[in-house]
Amino acid sequence: LPDGRENDWPTVKPTDLMGWLLRLVEMPSDNLILDPFAGSGTTAYVAQQMGLPCVAIDQSEEACELTKERLSTPSLFS
């Protein structure tokens, strides 16, 4: 996480896995990634790093705040 904390979300996915999954589909430039169960925001985070548009949704306010925090901080993801 941006502040150095470990991501302790119950269903966190590795960023490398999400990057691989997003690269599996050849997307036209006008496609949009939709993550209706954003959790800690891994999919949105990876999509942002790959320059892909993404909408992340979650019913948990805690999840939304965590995703917002992750997306507002630059990363070294490649």
C-alpha atoms as a PDB file:
ATOM      1  CA  LEU A   1       0.000   0.000   0.000  1.00  0.00           C
ATOM      2  CA  PRO A   2       1.109   3.592  -0.504  1.00  0.00           C
ATOM      3  CA  ASP A   3       2.017   4.131   3.151  1.00  0.00           C
ATOM      4  CA  GLY A   4       4.059   0.912   3.377  1.00  0.00           C
ATOM      5  CA  ARG A   5       1.346  -1.131   5.108  1.00  0.00           C
ATOM      6  CA  GLU A   6       0.659  -4.699   4.024  1.00  0.00           C
ATOM      7  CA  ASN A   7      -2.589  -5.213   2.132  1.00  0.00           C
ATOM      8  CA  ASP A   8      -4.581  -7.360   4.565  1.00  0.00           C
ATOM      9  CA  TRP A   9      -7.812  -7.419   2.550  1.00  0.00           C
ATOM     10  CA  PRO A  10      -9.331 -10.955   2.829  1.00  0.00           C
ATOM     11  CA  THR A  11      -9.363 -11.646  -0.926  1.00  0.00           C
ATOM     12  CA  VAL A  12      -6.362  -9.669  -2.153  1.00  0.00           C
ATOM     13  CA  LYS A  13      -4.964 -10.770  -5.514  1.00  0.00           C
ATOM     14  CA  PRO A  14      -1.365 -10.377  -6.690  1.00  0.00           C
ATOM     15  CA  THR A  15      -0.828  -7.446  -9.056  1.00  0.00           C
ATOM     16  CA  ASP A  16       1.161  -9.686 -11.416  1.00  0.00           C
ATOM     17  CA  LEU A  17      -1.847 -12.013 -11.744  1.00  0.00           C
ATOM     18  CA  MET A  18      -4.246  -9.164 -12.457  1.00  0.00           C
ATOM     19  CA  GLY A  19      -1.848  -7.690 -15.010  1.00  0.00           C
ATOM     20  CA  TRP A  20      -1.618 -11.057 -16.768  1.00  0.00           C
ATOM     21  CA  LEU A  21      -5.424 -11.389 -16.804  1.00  0.00           C
ATOM     22  CA  LEU A  22      -5.900  -7.875 -18.198  1.00  0.00           C
ATOM     23  CA  ARG A  23      -3.338  -8.563 -20.944  1.00  0.00           C
ATOM     24  CA  LEU A  24      -5.170 -11.767 -21.976  1.00  0.00           C
ATOM     25  CA  VAL A  25      -7.872  -9.779 -23.702  1.00  0.00           C
ATOM     26  CA  GLU A  26      -7.000  -7.592 -26.643  1.00  0.00           C
ATOM     27  CA  MET A  27      -9.021  -4.488 -25.910  1.00  0.00           C
ATOM     28  CA  PRO A  28      -9.942  -1.741 -28.331  1.00  0.00           C
ATOM     29  CA  SER A  29      -9.115   1.698 -26.970  1.00  0.00           C
ATOM     30  CA  ASP A  30     -12.771   2.457 -26.204  1.00  0.00           C
ATOM     31  CA  ASN A  31     -13.320  -0.540 -23.885  1.00  0.00           C
ATOM     32  CA  LEU A  32     -13.795  -0.093 -20.157  1.00  0.00           C
ATOM     33  CA  ILE A  33     -12.850  -2.489 -17.362  1.00  0.00           C
ATOM     34  CA  LEU A  34     -15.595  -2.861 -14.752  1.00  0.00           C
ATOM     35  CA  ASP A  35     -14.809  -4.299 -11.330  1.00  0.00           C
ATOM     36  CA  PRO A  36     -18.107  -4.518  -9.408  1.00  0.00           C
ATOM     37  CA  PHE A  37     -16.414  -6.020  -6.322  1.00  0.00           C
ATOM     38  CA  ALA A  38     -13.332  -3.825  -6.051  1.00  0.00           C
ATOM     39  CA  GLY A  39     -12.191  -4.835  -2.573  1.00  0.00           C
ATOM     40  CA  SER A  40      -8.748  -3.338  -2.053  1.00  0.00           C
ATOM     41  CA  GLY A  41      -8.672  -2.070  -5.644  1.00  0.00           C
ATOM     42  CA  THR A  42      -6.103  -4.397  -7.187  1.00  0.00           C
ATOM     43  CA  THR A  43      -7.813  -4.560 -10.586  1.00  0.00           C
ATOM     44  CA  ALA A  44      -8.274  -0.782 -10.752  1.00  0.00           C
ATOM     45  CA  TYR A  45      -4.706  -0.238  -9.568  1.00  0.00           C
ATOM     46  CA  VAL A  46      -3.232  -2.505 -12.247  1.00  0.00           C
ATOM     47  CA  ALA A  47      -5.517  -1.081 -14.939  1.00  0.00           C
ATOM     48  CA  GLN A  48      -4.366   2.427 -14.004  1.00  0.00           C
ATOM     49  CA  GLN A  49      -0.717   1.389 -14.233  1.00  0.00           C
ATOM     50  CA  MET A  50      -1.392  -0.163 -17.660  1.00  0.00           C
ATOM     51  CA  GLY A  51      -3.201   2.962 -18.879  1.00  0.00           C
ATOM     52  CA  LEU A  52      -6.562   1.187 -19.144  1.00  0.00           C
ATOM     53  CA  PRO A  53      -9.841   2.862 -18.165  1.00  0.00           C
ATOM     54  CA  CYS A  54     -11.518   1.174 -15.202  1.00  0.00           C
ATOM     55  CA  VAL A  55     -14.564   1.665 -12.987  1.00  0.00           C
ATOM     56  CA  ALA A  56     -14.269   0.099  -9.526  1.00  0.00           C
ATOM     57  CA  ILE A  57     -17.362  -0.395  -7.352  1.00  0.00           C
ATOM     58  CA  ASP A  58     -17.768  -1.823  -3.850  1.00  0.00           C
ATOM     59  CA  GLN A  59     -20.512  -1.638  -1.241  1.00  0.00           C
ATOM     60  CA  SER A  60     -17.962  -1.295   1.566  1.00  0.00           C
ATOM     61  CA  GLU A  61     -16.940   2.255   2.410  1.00  0.00           C
ATOM     62  CA  GLU A  62     -13.651   0.873   3.768  1.00  0.00           C
ATOM     63  CA  ALA A  63     -12.935  -0.817   0.418  1.00  0.00           C
ATOM     64  CA  CYS A  64     -13.725   2.355  -1.501  1.00  0.00           C
ATOM     65  CA  GLU A  65     -11.394   4.414   0.679  1.00  0.00           C
ATOM     66  CA  LEU A  66      -8.610   1.842   0.328  1.00  0.00           C
ATOM     67  CA  THR A  67      -9.003   1.788  -3.466  1.00  0.00           C
ATOM     68  CA  LYS A  68      -9.036   5.586  -3.597  1.00  0.00           C
ATOM     69  CA  GLU A  69      -5.831   5.683  -1.539  1.00  0.00           C
ATOM     70  CA  ARG A  70      -4.104   3.119  -3.785  1.00  0.00           C
ATOM     71  CA  LEU A  71      -5.055   4.960  -6.969  1.00  0.00           C
ATOM     72  CA  SER A  72      -3.874   8.346  -5.743  1.00  0.00           C
ATOM     73  CA  THR A  73      -0.277   7.228  -5.195  1.00  0.00           C
ATOM     74  CA  PRO A  74       2.289   6.680  -7.958  1.00  0.00           C
ATOM     75  CA  SER A  75       3.673   3.173  -8.212  1.00  0.00           C
ATOM     76  CA  LEU A  76       6.644   1.242  -9.493  1.00  0.00           C
ATOM     77  CA  PHE A  77       4.435  -1.448 -11.080  1.00  0.00           C
ATOM     78  CA  SER A  78       5.696  -2.359 -14.529  1.00  0.00           C
END
